[in-house]
Amino acid sequence: MNKLNILYEDNHIIVVEKKANILSQGDRTGDKDLLTMVKEYIKEKYNKPGNVYIGLVHRLDRPVGGIMVFAKTSKAASRLSKQIQDKKFKKTYLAIINGIIPSGNGEFKDYLKKQPNGNTIVSEDGKLSILNYQVLQRNSKKQKTLVEIDLKTGRHHQIRVQFSSRGYPLCGDNRYGIKDNTQIALYAYKLEFTHPTTKENMIFKINPPKKDYWTLFTL
């Protein structure tokens, strides 16, 4: 069984790191996914018979690593889902951008539309998509910029498309940027939400693995 990096666990939720290139949930490829891995972990740890309930309340794209929370009860799942609907569930990303972004921070607003081929484009008849970014470091020698991204809406490939459409594709983004056979430099490094039962404010942070483009900056 794949070893899970568990950041937190109680009777209601489990917070884990999704490694890059692992699916959030199963798809037609049949490849191993994080949801199944969490179910197997719970089943084995607590010696549970039959099916184990684990609620998937949010996802990360397959190439993207970072923090995910799963619900261990249906009540926790519905309460977490409501926080997402009410914009009270906050995911913050780190990304490394091709090029030097001159402004220290900014907001991107676009209308994005998912195409039948799986790509997302900027389109007038798309859905409103908003993110805020802050420049953390610049590497002038390598012409790269490290940014922190506060995602206000969770559209398909939103971060990748919004930066790429402005001439700043993410490093390692083979779909919207330059093919270079490295892992995409996008990582969901911080997660904030209210505990579905105790109402405690929960904040989790984890840095991306120190390899590929991440070695160009101090984290």
C-alpha atoms as a PDB file:
ATOM      1  CA  MET A   1       0.000   0.000   0.000  1.00  0.00           C
ATOM      2  CA  ASN A   2       1.234   3.511  -0.836  1.00  0.00           C
ATOM      3  CA  LYS A   3       2.445   5.337   2.272  1.00  0.00           C
ATOM      4  CA  LEU A   4       0.196   8.285   3.055  1.00  0.00           C
ATOM      5  CA  ASN A   5       1.552  11.530   4.471  1.00  0.00           C
ATOM      6  CA  ILE A   6      -1.194  12.242   7.025  1.00  0.00           C
ATOM      7  CA  LEU A   7      -1.152  15.784   8.405  1.00  0.00           C
ATOM      8  CA  TYR A   8      -4.174  15.386  10.699  1.00  0.00           C
ATOM      9  CA  GLU A   9      -6.837  12.836  11.555  1.00  0.00           C
ATOM     10  CA  ASP A  10      -9.774  12.609  13.961  1.00  0.00           C
ATOM     11  CA  ASN A  11     -13.190  10.902  13.933  1.00  0.00           C
ATOM     12  CA  HIS A  12     -14.617  13.384  11.412  1.00  0.00           C
ATOM     13  CA  ILE A  13     -11.887  14.355   8.927  1.00  0.00           C
ATOM     14  CA  ILE A  14      -8.517  13.279   7.577  1.00  0.00           C
ATOM     15  CA  VAL A  15      -6.026  15.734   6.022  1.00  0.00           C
ATOM     16  CA  VAL A  16      -3.390  14.264   3.703  1.00  0.00           C
ATOM     17  CA  GLU A  17      -0.808  15.327   1.153  1.00  0.00           C
ATOM     18  CA  LYS A  18      -1.656  14.436  -2.436  1.00  0.00           C
ATOM     19  CA  LYS A  19       1.545  13.619  -4.278  1.00  0.00           C
ATOM     20  CA  ALA A  20       1.932  14.982  -7.809  1.00  0.00           C
ATOM     21  CA  ASN A  21       0.563  12.704 -10.574  1.00  0.00           C
ATOM     22  CA  ILE A  22      -1.768  10.830  -8.205  1.00  0.00           C
ATOM     23  CA  LEU A  23      -5.465  11.130  -9.084  1.00  0.00           C
ATOM     24  CA  SER A  24      -7.766  12.730  -6.502  1.00  0.00           C
ATOM     25  CA  GLN A  25     -10.385  10.112  -7.371  1.00  0.00           C
ATOM     26  CA  GLY A  26     -10.586   7.252  -9.841  1.00  0.00           C
ATOM     27  CA  ASP A  27     -11.109   7.836 -13.557  1.00  0.00           C
ATOM     28  CA  ARG A  28     -11.189   5.787 -16.749  1.00  0.00           C
ATOM     29  CA  THR A  29      -7.406   5.199 -16.616  1.00  0.00           C
ATOM     30  CA  GLY A  30      -7.916   2.851 -13.687  1.00  0.00           C
ATOM     31  CA  ASP A  31      -4.771   4.269 -12.041  1.00  0.00           C
ATOM     32  CA  LYS A  32      -4.525   4.268  -8.241  1.00  0.00           C
ATOM     33  CA  ASP A  33      -6.174   7.346  -6.713  1.00  0.00           C
ATOM     34  CA  LEU A  34      -5.908   9.120  -3.364  1.00  0.00           C
ATOM     35  CA  LEU A  35      -9.544   8.524  -2.374  1.00  0.00           C
ATOM     36  CA  THR A  36      -9.043   4.749  -2.677  1.00  0.00           C
ATOM     37  CA  MET A  37      -5.728   4.957  -0.801  1.00  0.00           C
ATOM     38  CA  VAL A  38      -7.387   6.816   2.103  1.00  0.00           C
ATOM     39  CA  LYS A  39     -10.212   4.240   2.218  1.00  0.00           C
ATOM     40  CA  GLU A  40      -7.671   1.396   2.306  1.00  0.00           C
ATOM     41  CA  TYR A  41      -5.736   3.128   5.091  1.00  0.00           C
ATOM     42  CA  ILE A  42      -8.888   3.570   7.233  1.00  0.00           C
ATOM     43  CA  LYS A  43     -10.043   0.007   6.558  1.00  0.00           C
ATOM     44  CA  GLU A  44      -6.649  -1.406   7.575  1.00  0.00           C
ATOM     45  CA  LYS A  45      -5.985   0.873  10.563  1.00  0.00           C
ATOM     46  CA  TYR A  46      -9.376   0.344  12.205  1.00  0.00           C
ATOM     47  CA  ASN A  47      -9.958  -3.185  10.881  1.00  0.00           C
ATOM     48  CA  LYS A  48     -13.291  -2.135   9.373  1.00  0.00           C
ATOM     49  CA  PRO A  49     -15.386  -4.724   7.531  1.00  0.00           C
ATOM     50  CA  GLY A  50     -17.185  -3.927   4.264  1.00  0.00           C
ATOM     51  CA  ASN A  51     -17.096  -0.578   2.514  1.00  0.00           C
ATOM     52  CA  VAL A  52     -15.501   2.409   4.239  1.00  0.00           C
ATOM     53  CA  TYR A  53     -17.144   5.828   3.857  1.00  0.00           C
ATOM     54  CA  ILE A  54     -14.779   8.619   2.826  1.00  0.00           C
ATOM     55  CA  GLY A  55     -16.284  11.799   1.411  1.00  0.00           C
ATOM     56  CA  LEU A  56     -14.457  13.630  -1.388  1.00  0.00           C
ATOM     57  CA  VAL A  57     -15.284  17.339  -0.989  1.00  0.00           C
ATOM     58  CA  HIS A  58     -12.684  18.939  -3.291  1.00  0.00           C
ATOM     59  CA  ARG A  59     -10.095  17.900  -5.866  1.00  0.00           C
ATOM     60  CA  LEU A  60      -6.665  18.773  -7.190  1.00  0.00           C
ATOM     61  CA  ASP A  61      -5.673  18.228 -10.818  1.00  0.00           C
ATOM     62  CA  ARG A  62      -3.646  15.062 -11.345  1.00  0.00           C
ATOM     63  CA  PRO A  63      -0.249  16.777 -11.951  1.00  0.00           C
ATOM     64  CA  VAL A  64      -0.701  19.105  -8.962  1.00  0.00           C
ATOM     65  CA  GLY A  65       0.449  18.141  -5.468  1.00  0.00           C
ATOM     66  CA  GLY A  66      -0.718  19.594  -2.184  1.00  0.00           C
ATOM     67  CA  ILE A  67      -3.058  19.351   0.787  1.00  0.00           C
ATOM     68  CA  MET A  68      -6.480  17.715   0.644  1.00  0.00           C
ATOM     69  CA  VAL A  69      -9.097  17.079   3.331  1.00  0.00           C
ATOM     70  CA  PHE A  70     -11.480  14.126   3.202  1.00  0.00           C
ATOM     71  CA  ALA A  71     -14.592  13.647   5.328  1.00  0.00           C
ATOM     72  CA  LYS A  72     -14.990  10.498   7.423  1.00  0.00           C
ATOM     73  CA  THR A  73     -18.744  10.984   7.909  1.00  0.00           C
ATOM     74  CA  SER A  74     -21.526  12.159   5.594  1.00  0.00           C
ATOM     75  CA  LYS A  75     -22.339  14.996   8.031  1.00  0.00           C
ATOM     76  CA  ALA A  76     -18.741  16.258   7.886  1.00  0.00           C
ATOM     77  CA  ALA A  77     -18.829  15.996   4.072  1.00  0.00           C
ATOM     78  CA  SER A  78     -21.990  18.095   3.750  1.00  0.00           C
ATOM     79  CA  ARG A  79     -20.686  20.744   6.163  1.00  0.00           C
ATOM     80  CA  LEU A  80     -17.353  21.017   4.350  1.00  0.00           C
ATOM     81  CA  SER A  81     -19.150  21.178   0.978  1.00  0.00           C
ATOM     82  CA  LYS A  82     -21.277  24.048   2.316  1.00  0.00           C
ATOM     83  CA  GLN A  83     -18.115  25.929   3.336  1.00  0.00           C
ATOM     84  CA  ILE A  84     -16.851  25.551  -0.241  1.00  0.00           C
ATOM     85  CA  GLN A  85     -20.162  26.876  -1.623  1.00  0.00           C
ATOM     86  CA  ASP A  86     -20.087  29.793   0.843  1.00  0.00           C
ATOM     87  CA  LYS A  87     -16.436  30.615  -0.103  1.00  0.00           C
ATOM     88  CA  LYS A  88     -15.286  29.906   3.461  1.00  0.00           C
ATOM     89  CA  PHE A  89     -12.919  27.107   2.443  1.00  0.00           C
ATOM     90  CA  LYS A  90      -9.584  28.587   1.411  1.00  0.00           C
ATOM     91  CA  LYS A  91      -6.935  26.932  -0.777  1.00  0.00           C
ATOM     92  CA  THR A  92      -3.654  28.810  -1.274  1.00  0.00           C
ATOM     93  CA  TYR A  93      -1.149  27.755  -3.922  1.00  0.00           C
ATOM     94  CA  LEU A  94       2.509  28.298  -4.695  1.00  0.00           C
ATOM     95  CA  ALA A  95       3.488  28.491  -8.352  1.00  0.00           C
ATOM     96  CA  ILE A  96       6.646  29.211 -10.325  1.00  0.00           C
ATOM     97  CA  ILE A  97       6.037  31.302 -13.406  1.00  0.00           C
ATOM     98  CA  ASN A  98       8.080  31.593 -16.609  1.00  0.00           C
ATOM     99  CA  GLY A  99       9.163  35.224 -16.826  1.00  0.00           C
ATOM    100  CA  ILE A 100       9.544  38.049 -14.331  1.00  0.00           C
ATOM    101  CA  ILE A 101       6.244  39.492 -13.114  1.00  0.00           C
ATOM    102  CA  PRO A 102       6.932  43.196 -12.471  1.00  0.00           C
ATOM    103  CA  SER A 103       4.080  44.033 -10.093  1.00  0.00           C
ATOM    104  CA  GLY A 104       4.270  42.838  -6.491  1.00  0.00           C
ATOM    105  CA  ASN A 105       0.673  41.653  -6.445  1.00  0.00           C
ATOM    106  CA  GLY A 106      -2.492  41.725  -8.495  1.00  0.00           C
ATOM    107  CA  GLU A 107      -5.866  40.248  -9.351  1.00  0.00           C
ATOM    108  CA  PHE A 108      -6.834  38.295 -12.464  1.00  0.00           C
ATOM    109  CA  LYS A 109     -10.459  38.293 -13.631  1.00  0.00           C
ATOM    110  CA  ASP A 110     -11.473  36.283 -16.686  1.00  0.00           C
ATOM    111  CA  TYR A 111     -14.369  34.305 -18.090  1.00  0.00           C
ATOM    112  CA  LEU A 112     -13.172  30.743 -18.595  1.00  0.00           C
ATOM    113  CA  LYS A 113     -14.800  27.960 -20.578  1.00  0.00           C
ATOM    114  CA  LYS A 114     -13.900  24.267 -20.551  1.00  0.00           C
ATOM    115  CA  GLN A 115     -13.645  22.760 -24.040  1.00  0.00           C
ATOM    116  CA  PRO A 116     -14.726  19.224 -25.062  1.00  0.00           C
ATOM    117  CA  ASN A 117     -11.028  18.301 -25.497  1.00  0.00           C
ATOM    118  CA  GLY A 118     -10.332  19.030 -21.814  1.00  0.00           C
ATOM    119  CA  ASN A 119      -8.591  22.370 -22.365  1.00  0.00           C
ATOM    120  CA  THR A 120      -9.885  25.597 -20.824  1.00  0.00           C
ATOM    121  CA  ILE A 121      -9.954  28.872 -22.749  1.00  0.00           C
ATOM    122  CA  VAL A 122     -10.720  32.521 -22.043  1.00  0.00           C
ATOM    123  CA  SER A 123     -14.162  33.121 -23.532  1.00  0.00           C
ATOM    124  CA  GLU A 124     -16.911  35.733 -23.144  1.00  0.00           C
ATOM    125  CA  ASP A 125     -19.489  32.994 -22.545  1.00  0.00           C
ATOM    126  CA  GLY A 126     -17.378  31.300 -19.863  1.00  0.00           C
ATOM    127  CA  LYS A 127     -17.679  31.401 -16.068  1.00  0.00           C
ATOM    128  CA  LEU A 128     -16.272  34.284 -14.021  1.00  0.00           C
ATOM    129  CA  SER A 129     -12.875  33.257 -12.647  1.00  0.00           C
ATOM    130  CA  ILE A 130     -10.942  35.278 -10.069  1.00  0.00           C
ATOM    131  CA  LEU A 131      -7.581  34.862  -8.360  1.00  0.00           C
ATOM    132  CA  ASN A 132      -5.267  37.127  -6.403  1.00  0.00           C
ATOM    133  CA  TYR A 133      -1.513  36.684  -6.507  1.00  0.00           C
ATOM    134  CA  GLN A 134       1.471  37.992  -4.578  1.00  0.00           C
ATOM    135  CA  VAL A 135       5.063  37.825  -5.801  1.00  0.00           C
ATOM    136  CA  LEU A 136       7.227  36.169  -3.135  1.00  0.00           C
ATOM    137  CA  GLN A 137      10.603  35.956  -4.925  1.00  0.00           C
ATOM    138  CA  ARG A 138      12.119  36.662  -8.342  1.00  0.00           C
ATOM    139  CA  ASN A 139      15.029  34.790  -9.910  1.00  0.00           C
ATOM    140  CA  SER A 140      16.386  37.239 -12.501  1.00  0.00           C
ATOM    141  CA  LYS A 141      19.145  34.895 -13.638  1.00  0.00           C
ATOM    142  CA  LYS A 142      16.670  32.125 -14.549  1.00  0.00           C
ATOM    143  CA  GLN A 143      13.838  34.541 -15.419  1.00  0.00           C
ATOM    144  CA  LYS A 144      11.374  32.862 -13.047  1.00  0.00           C
ATOM    145  CA  THR A 145       8.929  34.256 -10.475  1.00  0.00           C
ATOM    146  CA  LEU A 146       7.607  32.520  -7.345  1.00  0.00           C
ATOM    147  CA  VAL A 147       4.044  33.566  -6.532  1.00  0.00           C
ATOM    148  CA  GLU A 148       1.463  32.792  -3.865  1.00  0.00           C
ATOM    149  CA  ILE A 149      -2.054  32.445  -5.267  1.00  0.00           C
ATOM    150  CA  ASP A 150      -5.318  32.935  -3.420  1.00  0.00           C
ATOM    151  CA  LEU A 151      -7.901  31.160  -5.547  1.00  0.00           C
ATOM    152  CA  LYS A 152     -11.305  32.871  -5.317  1.00  0.00           C
ATOM    153  CA  THR A 153     -13.078  30.543  -7.767  1.00  0.00           C
ATOM    154  CA  GLY A 154     -12.200  26.940  -8.537  1.00  0.00           C
ATOM    155  CA  ARG A 155     -12.499  26.620 -12.306  1.00  0.00           C
ATOM    156  CA  HIS A 156     -10.953  23.856 -14.403  1.00  0.00           C
ATOM    157  CA  HIS A 157      -7.224  24.606 -14.968  1.00  0.00           C
ATOM    158  CA  GLN A 158      -7.935  28.170 -13.772  1.00  0.00           C
ATOM    159  CA  ILE A 159      -4.502  29.150 -12.431  1.00  0.00           C
ATOM    160  CA  ARG A 160      -2.693  27.659 -15.422  1.00  0.00           C
ATOM    161  CA  VAL A 161      -4.901  29.390 -18.004  1.00  0.00           C
ATOM    162  CA  GLN A 162      -5.071  32.788 -16.310  1.00  0.00           C
ATOM    163  CA  PHE A 163      -1.284  33.109 -16.055  1.00  0.00           C
ATOM    164  CA  SER A 164      -0.608  31.583 -19.478  1.00  0.00           C
ATOM    165  CA  SER A 165      -3.098  33.911 -21.209  1.00  0.00           C
ATOM    166  CA  ARG A 166      -1.059  36.876 -19.909  1.00  0.00           C
ATOM    167  CA  GLY A 167       2.221  35.510 -21.244  1.00  0.00           C
ATOM    168  CA  TYR A 168       3.332  33.959 -17.956  1.00  0.00           C
ATOM    169  CA  PRO A 169       2.837  30.181 -18.286  1.00  0.00           C
ATOM    170  CA  LEU A 170       3.585  28.019 -15.278  1.00  0.00           C
ATOM    171  CA  CYS A 171       6.904  26.190 -15.335  1.00  0.00           C
ATOM    172  CA  GLY A 172       6.476  22.551 -16.311  1.00  0.00           C
ATOM    173  CA  ASP A 173       2.972  23.093 -17.702  1.00  0.00           C
ATOM    174  CA  ASN A 174       3.005  20.896 -20.800  1.00  0.00           C
ATOM    175  CA  ARG A 175      -0.570  21.808 -21.720  1.00  0.00           C
ATOM    176  CA  TYR A 176      -0.578  25.618 -21.552  1.00  0.00           C
ATOM    177  CA  GLY A 177       3.133  26.374 -21.463  1.00  0.00           C
ATOM    178  CA  ILE A 178       6.425  24.962 -22.700  1.00  0.00           C
ATOM    179  CA  LYS A 179       7.002  21.203 -22.870  1.00  0.00           C
ATOM    180  CA  ASP A 180      10.103  20.452 -20.823  1.00  0.00           C
ATOM    181  CA  ASN A 181       9.307  17.080 -19.193  1.00  0.00           C
ATOM    182  CA  THR A 182       9.439  18.403 -15.620  1.00  0.00           C
ATOM    183  CA  GLN A 183       6.656  18.368 -13.041  1.00  0.00           C
ATOM    184  CA  ILE A 184       4.312  21.365 -13.156  1.00  0.00           C
ATOM    185  CA  ALA A 185       5.424  23.940 -10.567  1.00  0.00           C
ATOM    186  CA  LEU A 186       2.029  24.320  -8.884  1.00  0.00           C
ATOM    187  CA  TYR A 187       1.359  23.177  -5.343  1.00  0.00           C
ATOM    188  CA  ALA A 188      -1.623  23.599  -2.969  1.00  0.00           C
ATOM    189  CA  TYR A 189       0.529  24.357   0.051  1.00  0.00           C
ATOM    190  CA  LYS A 190      -2.017  25.827   2.466  1.00  0.00           C
ATOM    191  CA  LEU A 191      -5.571  24.837   3.410  1.00  0.00           C
ATOM    192  CA  GLU A 192      -7.902  26.709   5.777  1.00  0.00           C
ATOM    193  CA  PHE A 193     -11.397  25.701   6.859  1.00  0.00           C
ATOM    194  CA  THR A 194     -13.644  25.428   9.909  1.00  0.00           C
ATOM    195  CA  HIS A 195     -13.762  21.997  11.529  1.00  0.00           C
ATOM    196  CA  PRO A 196     -17.177  20.534  10.633  1.00  0.00           C
ATOM    197  CA  THR A 197     -17.911  19.456  14.228  1.00  0.00           C
ATOM    198  CA  THR A 198     -15.770  21.413  16.707  1.00  0.00           C
ATOM    199  CA  LYS A 199     -16.019  24.681  14.675  1.00  0.00           C
ATOM    200  CA  GLU A 200     -12.301  25.212  15.305  1.00  0.00           C
ATOM    201  CA  ASN A 201     -10.358  27.160  12.662  1.00  0.00           C
ATOM    202  CA  MET A 202      -8.056  24.636  10.974  1.00  0.00           C
ATOM    203  CA  ILE A 203      -4.932  25.740   9.076  1.00  0.00           C
ATOM    204  CA  PHE A 204      -2.499  23.330   7.411  1.00  0.00           C
ATOM    205  CA  LYS A 205       0.699  24.154   5.506  1.00  0.00           C
ATOM    206  CA  ILE A 206       3.253  22.009   3.709  1.00  0.00           C
ATOM    207  CA  ASN A 207       6.048  23.007   1.333  1.00  0.00           C
ATOM    208  CA  PRO A 208       6.448  21.413  -2.106  1.00  0.00           C
ATOM    209  CA  PRO A 209       9.154  18.757  -2.563  1.00  0.00           C
ATOM    210  CA  LYS A 210      12.588  20.337  -3.043  1.00  0.00           C
ATOM    211  CA  LYS A 211      13.189  19.326  -6.659  1.00  0.00           C
ATOM    212  CA  ASP A 212      12.897  20.602 -10.253  1.00  0.00           C
ATOM    213  CA  TYR A 213      11.986  24.302 -10.352  1.00  0.00           C
ATOM    214  CA  TRP A 214      11.422  24.501  -6.584  1.00  0.00           C
ATOM    215  CA  THR A 215      15.197  24.360  -6.057  1.00  0.00           C
ATOM    216  CA  LEU A 216      15.485  27.843  -7.633  1.00  0.00           C
ATOM    217  CA  PHE A 217      13.865  29.493  -4.611  1.00  0.00           C
ATOM    218  CA  THR A 218      14.164  29.407  -0.825  1.00  0.00           C
ATOM    219  CA  LEU A 219      11.039  28.023   0.806  1.00  0.00           C
END
